[in-house]
Amino acid sequence: PIGDIRGDIQAAQIATAVFNSQGAKATMSDMLLRWQRDPDEEGADPFAGLEAALTAATQ
């Protein structure tokens, strides 16, 4: 790959190596940044649950 995606792949490779060296079970696909949403998440509210999380954090 050429361009910005190459840097993302290299960063994912390094992050995967670090996690795995510490005993975690990480894969490259887990660490690779996703810049676009999955098609099934299209209608999902990106802020769903935010109010509940902030309320729980302040109590």
PDB file of N, CA and C in Angstrom:
ATOM      1  N   PRO A   1       0.825  -1.208   0.000  1.00  0.00           N
ATOM      2  CA  PRO A   1       0.000   0.000   0.000  1.00  0.00           C
ATOM      3  C   PRO A   1       0.860   1.259   0.000  1.00  0.00           C
ATOM      4  N   ILE A   2       0.372   2.247  -0.669  1.00  0.00           N
ATOM      5  CA  ILE A   2       1.072   3.519  -0.740  1.00  0.00           C
ATOM      6  C   ILE A   2       0.168   4.588  -0.152  1.00  0.00           C
ATOM      7  N   GLY A   3       0.759   5.518   0.596  1.00  0.00           N
ATOM      8  CA  GLY A   3      -0.013   6.631   1.134  1.00  0.00           C
ATOM      9  C   GLY A   3      -0.312   6.466   2.612  1.00  0.00           C
ATOM     10  N   ASP A   4      -1.377   7.120   3.035  1.00  0.00           N
ATOM     11  CA  ASP A   4      -1.729   7.138   4.453  1.00  0.00           C
ATOM     12  C   ASP A   4      -2.101   5.764   4.995  1.00  0.00           C
ATOM     13  N   ILE A   5      -2.696   4.926   4.168  1.00  0.00           N
ATOM     14  CA  ILE A   5      -3.095   3.597   4.626  1.00  0.00           C
ATOM     15  C   ILE A   5      -1.879   2.781   5.049  1.00  0.00           C
ATOM     16  N   ARG A   6      -0.741   3.030   4.409  1.00  0.00           N
ATOM     17  CA  ARG A   6       0.471   2.295   4.768  1.00  0.00           C
ATOM     18  C   ARG A   6       0.889   2.619   6.199  1.00  0.00           C
ATOM     19  N   GLY A   7       0.815   3.878   6.584  1.00  0.00           N
ATOM     20  CA  GLY A   7       1.138   4.268   7.952  1.00  0.00           C
ATOM     21  C   GLY A   7       0.188   3.647   8.959  1.00  0.00           C
ATOM     22  N   ASP A   8      -1.089   3.558   8.596  1.00  0.00           N
ATOM     23  CA  ASP A   8      -2.067   2.926   9.478  1.00  0.00           C
ATOM     24  C   ASP A   8      -1.758   1.447   9.669  1.00  0.00           C
ATOM     25  N   ILE A   9      -1.353   0.791   8.592  1.00  0.00           N
ATOM     26  CA  ILE A   9      -1.016  -0.630   8.675  1.00  0.00           C
ATOM     27  C   ILE A   9       0.237  -0.834   9.522  1.00  0.00           C
ATOM     28  N   GLN A  10       1.232   0.020   9.350  1.00  0.00           N
ATOM     29  CA  GLN A  10       2.458  -0.096  10.146  1.00  0.00           C
ATOM     30  C   GLN A  10       2.177   0.149  11.624  1.00  0.00           C
ATOM     31  N   ALA A  11       1.353   1.140  11.934  1.00  0.00           N
ATOM     32  CA  ALA A  11       1.004   1.416  13.329  1.00  0.00           C
ATOM     33  C   ALA A  11       0.226   0.248  13.932  1.00  0.00           C
ATOM     34  N   ALA A  12      -0.665  -0.347  13.160  1.00  0.00           N
ATOM     35  CA  ALA A  12      -1.423  -1.501  13.643  1.00  0.00           C
ATOM     36  C   ALA A  12      -0.504  -2.689  13.894  1.00  0.00           C
ATOM     37  N   GLN A  13       0.491  -2.853  13.047  1.00  0.00           N
ATOM     38  CA  GLN A  13       1.441  -3.952  13.214  1.00  0.00           C
ATOM     39  C   GLN A  13       2.250  -3.776  14.497  1.00  0.00           C
ATOM     40  N   ILE A  14       2.687  -2.566  14.765  1.00  0.00           N
ATOM     41  CA  ILE A  14       3.453  -2.294  15.984  1.00  0.00           C
ATOM     42  C   ILE A  14       2.577  -2.470  17.216  1.00  0.00           C
ATOM     43  N   ALA A  15       1.355  -1.929  17.172  1.00  0.00           N
ATOM     44  CA  ALA A  15       0.445  -2.060  18.310  1.00  0.00           C
ATOM     45  C   ALA A  15       0.120  -3.525  18.586  1.00  0.00           C
ATOM     46  N   THR A  16      -0.066  -4.304  17.541  1.00  0.00           N
ATOM     47  CA  THR A  16      -0.345  -5.729  17.709  1.00  0.00           C
ATOM     48  C   THR A  16       0.837  -6.435  18.357  1.00  0.00           C
ATOM     49  N   ALA A  17       2.041  -6.111  17.925  1.00  0.00           N
ATOM     50  CA  ALA A  17       3.238  -6.726  18.507  1.00  0.00           C
ATOM     51  C   ALA A  17       3.378  -6.375  19.981  1.00  0.00           C
ATOM     52  N   VAL A  18       3.095  -5.128  20.337  1.00  0.00           N
ATOM     53  CA  VAL A  18       3.197  -4.702  21.737  1.00  0.00           C
ATOM     54  C   VAL A  18       2.164  -5.432  22.590  1.00  0.00           C
ATOM     55  N   PHE A  19       0.920  -5.463  22.141  1.00  0.00           N
ATOM     56  CA  PHE A  19      -0.131  -6.145  22.903  1.00  0.00           C
ATOM     57  C   PHE A  19       0.185  -7.624  23.066  1.00  0.00           C
ATOM     58  N   ASN A  20       0.597  -8.276  21.975  1.00  0.00           N
ATOM     59  CA  ASN A  20       0.889  -9.704  22.038  1.00  0.00           C
ATOM     60  C   ASN A  20       2.111  -9.998  22.898  1.00  0.00           C
ATOM     61  N   SER A  21       3.079  -9.104  22.938  1.00  0.00           N
ATOM     62  CA  SER A  21       4.259  -9.331  23.775  1.00  0.00           C
ATOM     63  C   SER A  21       3.918  -9.264  25.257  1.00  0.00           C
ATOM     64  N   GLN A  22       2.809  -8.618  25.579  1.00  0.00           N
ATOM     65  CA  GLN A  22       2.379  -8.514  26.971  1.00  0.00           C
ATOM     66  C   GLN A  22       1.336  -9.567  27.340  1.00  0.00           C
ATOM     67  N   GLY A  23       1.091 -10.499  26.438  1.00  0.00           N
ATOM     68  CA  GLY A  23       0.196 -11.612  26.729  1.00  0.00           C
ATOM     69  C   GLY A  23      -1.230 -11.440  26.244  1.00  0.00           C
ATOM     70  N   ALA A  24      -1.549 -10.325  25.626  1.00  0.00           N
ATOM     71  CA  ALA A  24      -2.901 -10.116  25.104  1.00  0.00           C
ATOM     72  C   ALA A  24      -3.064 -10.878  23.792  1.00  0.00           C
ATOM     73  N   LYS A  25      -4.286 -11.097  23.414  1.00  0.00           N
ATOM     74  CA  LYS A  25      -4.584 -11.759  22.142  1.00  0.00           C
ATOM     75  C   LYS A  25      -5.135 -10.715  21.182  1.00  0.00           C
ATOM     76  N   ALA A  26      -4.251 -10.041  20.463  1.00  0.00           N
ATOM     77  CA  ALA A  26      -4.657  -8.983  19.536  1.00  0.00           C
ATOM     78  C   ALA A  26      -4.330  -9.401  18.112  1.00  0.00           C
ATOM     79  N   THR A  27      -5.148  -8.930  17.187  1.00  0.00           N
ATOM     80  CA  THR A  27      -4.893  -9.178  15.771  1.00  0.00           C
ATOM     81  C   THR A  27      -4.720  -7.842  15.065  1.00  0.00           C
ATOM     82  N   MET A  28      -4.169  -7.906  13.874  1.00  0.00           N
ATOM     83  CA  MET A  28      -3.988  -6.680  13.086  1.00  0.00           C
ATOM     84  C   MET A  28      -5.331  -6.014  12.810  1.00  0.00           C
ATOM     85  N   SER A  29      -6.353  -6.809  12.526  1.00  0.00           N
ATOM     86  CA  SER A  29      -7.662  -6.216  12.226  1.00  0.00           C
ATOM     87  C   SER A  29      -8.263  -5.538  13.450  1.00  0.00           C
ATOM     88  N   ASP A  30      -7.917  -6.003  14.665  1.00  0.00           N
ATOM     89  CA  ASP A  30      -8.379  -5.329  15.883  1.00  0.00           C
ATOM     90  C   ASP A  30      -7.734  -3.958  16.034  1.00  0.00           C
ATOM     91  N   MET A  31      -6.490  -3.833  15.632  1.00  0.00           N
ATOM     92  CA  MET A  31      -5.727  -2.608  15.847  1.00  0.00           C
ATOM     93  C   MET A  31      -5.828  -1.612  14.698  1.00  0.00           C
ATOM     94  N   LEU A  32      -6.236  -2.067  13.525  1.00  0.00           N
ATOM     95  CA  LEU A  32      -6.288  -1.201  12.351  1.00  0.00           C
ATOM     96  C   LEU A  32      -7.412  -0.182  12.486  1.00  0.00           C
ATOM     97  N   LEU A  33      -7.085   1.087  12.245  1.00  0.00           N
ATOM     98  CA  LEU A  33      -8.091   2.142  12.322  1.00  0.00           C
ATOM     99  C   LEU A  33      -9.140   1.959  11.235  1.00  0.00           C
ATOM    100  N   ARG A  34     -10.375   2.209  11.600  1.00  0.00           N
ATOM    101  CA  ARG A  34     -11.482   2.142  10.635  1.00  0.00           C
ATOM    102  C   ARG A  34     -12.027   3.548  10.470  1.00  0.00           C
ATOM    103  N   TRP A  35     -11.839   4.102   9.290  1.00  0.00           N
ATOM    104  CA  TRP A  35     -12.246   5.483   9.039  1.00  0.00           C
ATOM    105  C   TRP A  35     -13.677   5.584   8.559  1.00  0.00           C
ATOM    106  N   GLN A  36     -14.264   4.490   8.147  1.00  0.00           N
ATOM    107  CA  GLN A  36     -15.649   4.497   7.681  1.00  0.00           C
ATOM    108  C   GLN A  36     -16.466   3.553   8.543  1.00  0.00           C
ATOM    109  N   ARG A  37     -17.730   3.878   8.688  1.00  0.00           N
ATOM    110  CA  ARG A  37     -18.617   3.032   9.476  1.00  0.00           C
ATOM    111  C   ARG A  37     -18.966   1.765   8.715  1.00  0.00           C
ATOM    112  N   ASP A  38     -19.316   0.749   9.474  1.00  0.00           N
ATOM    113  CA  ASP A  38     -19.846  -0.462   8.865  1.00  0.00           C
ATOM    114  C   ASP A  38     -21.243  -0.164   8.339  1.00  0.00           C
ATOM    115  N   PRO A  39     -21.660  -0.809   7.263  1.00  0.00           N
ATOM    116  CA  PRO A  39     -22.990  -0.539   6.702  1.00  0.00           C
ATOM    117  C   PRO A  39     -24.124  -0.818   7.682  1.00  0.00           C
ATOM    118  N   ASP A  40     -23.952  -1.795   8.586  1.00  0.00           N
ATOM    119  CA  ASP A  40     -25.029  -2.102   9.525  1.00  0.00           C
ATOM    120  C   ASP A  40     -25.128  -1.081  10.654  1.00  0.00           C
ATOM    121  N   GLU A  41     -24.132  -0.229  10.827  1.00  0.00           N
ATOM    122  CA  GLU A  41     -24.160   0.807  11.853  1.00  0.00           C
ATOM    123  C   GLU A  41     -24.664   2.141  11.313  1.00  0.00           C
ATOM    124  N   GLU A  42     -25.126   2.166  10.091  1.00  0.00           N
ATOM    125  CA  GLU A  42     -25.495   3.423   9.440  1.00  0.00           C
ATOM    126  C   GLU A  42     -26.567   4.181  10.210  1.00  0.00           C
ATOM    127  N   GLY A  43     -27.580   3.490  10.728  1.00  0.00           N
ATOM    128  CA  GLY A  43     -28.662   4.167  11.427  1.00  0.00           C
ATOM    129  C   GLY A  43     -28.426   4.313  12.915  1.00  0.00           C
ATOM    130  N   ALA A  44     -27.335   3.810  13.418  1.00  0.00           N
ATOM    131  CA  ALA A  44     -27.076   3.840  14.855  1.00  0.00           C
ATOM    132  C   ALA A  44     -26.718   5.246  15.314  1.00  0.00           C
ATOM    133  N   ASP A  45     -27.174   5.579  16.508  1.00  0.00           N
ATOM    134  CA  ASP A  45     -26.880   6.877  17.096  1.00  0.00           C
ATOM    135  C   ASP A  45     -25.468   6.840  17.684  1.00  0.00           C
ATOM    136  N   PRO A  46     -24.545   7.698  17.229  1.00  0.00           N
ATOM    137  CA  PRO A  46     -23.171   7.645  17.740  1.00  0.00           C
ATOM    138  C   PRO A  46     -23.064   8.074  19.202  1.00  0.00           C
ATOM    139  N   PHE A  47     -24.091   8.749  19.724  1.00  0.00           N
ATOM    140  CA  PHE A  47     -24.051   9.217  21.105  1.00  0.00           C
ATOM    141  C   PHE A  47     -24.971   8.415  22.020  1.00  0.00           C
ATOM    142  N   ALA A  48     -25.443   7.283  21.550  1.00  0.00           N
ATOM    143  CA  ALA A  48     -26.315   6.443  22.367  1.00  0.00           C
ATOM    144  C   ALA A  48     -25.549   5.961  23.595  1.00  0.00           C
ATOM    145  N   GLY A  49     -26.133   6.142  24.734  1.00  0.00           N
ATOM    146  CA  GLY A  49     -25.509   5.709  25.977  1.00  0.00           C
ATOM    147  C   GLY A  49     -24.569   6.721  26.585  1.00  0.00           C
ATOM    148  N   LEU A  50     -24.298   7.818  25.899  1.00  0.00           N
ATOM    149  CA  LEU A  50     -23.364   8.814  26.422  1.00  0.00           C
ATOM    150  C   LEU A  50     -23.911   9.472  27.684  1.00  0.00           C
ATOM    151  N   GLU A  51     -25.186   9.827  27.671  1.00  0.00           N
ATOM    152  CA  GLU A  51     -25.787  10.481  28.834  1.00  0.00           C
ATOM    153  C   GLU A  51     -25.743   9.567  30.054  1.00  0.00           C
ATOM    154  N   ALA A  52     -26.046   8.298  29.872  1.00  0.00           N
ATOM    155  CA  ALA A  52     -26.008   7.349  30.986  1.00  0.00           C
ATOM    156  C   ALA A  52     -24.586   7.174  31.514  1.00  0.00           C
ATOM    157  N   ALA A  53     -23.613   7.133  30.624  1.00  0.00           N
ATOM    158  CA  ALA A  53     -22.221   6.976  31.051  1.00  0.00           C
ATOM    159  C   ALA A  53     -21.738   8.191  31.826  1.00  0.00           C
ATOM    160  N   LEU A  54     -22.093   9.380  31.363  1.00  0.00           N
ATOM    161  CA  LEU A  54     -21.681  10.594  32.068  1.00  0.00           C
ATOM    162  C   LEU A  54     -22.388  10.720  33.411  1.00  0.00           C
ATOM    163  N   THR A  55     -23.642  10.329  33.466  1.00  0.00           N
ATOM    164  CA  THR A  55     -24.376  10.359  34.729  1.00  0.00           C
ATOM    165  C   THR A  55     -23.755   9.389  35.721  1.00  0.00           C
ATOM    166  N   ALA A  56     -23.420   8.193  35.270  1.00  0.00           N
ATOM    167  CA  ALA A  56     -22.802   7.202  36.149  1.00  0.00           C
ATOM    168  C   ALA A  56     -21.427   7.664  36.618  1.00  0.00           C
ATOM    169  N   ALA A  57     -20.707   8.375  35.780  1.00  0.00           N
ATOM    170  CA  ALA A  57     -19.364   8.838  36.139  1.00  0.00           C
ATOM    171  C   ALA A  57     -19.403   9.951  37.178  1.00  0.00           C
ATOM    172  N   THR A  58     -20.487  10.709  37.209  1.00  0.00           N
ATOM    173  CA  THR A  58     -20.562  11.827  38.154  1.00  0.00           C
ATOM    174  C   THR A  58     -21.141  11.424  39.497  1.00  0.00           C
ATOM    175  N   GLN A  59     -21.600  10.199  39.621  1.00  0.00           N
ATOM    176  CA  GLN A  59     -22.195   9.767  40.894  1.00  0.00           C
ATOM    177  C   GLN A  59     -21.196   9.063  41.757  1.00  0.00           C
TER     178      GLN A  59
END
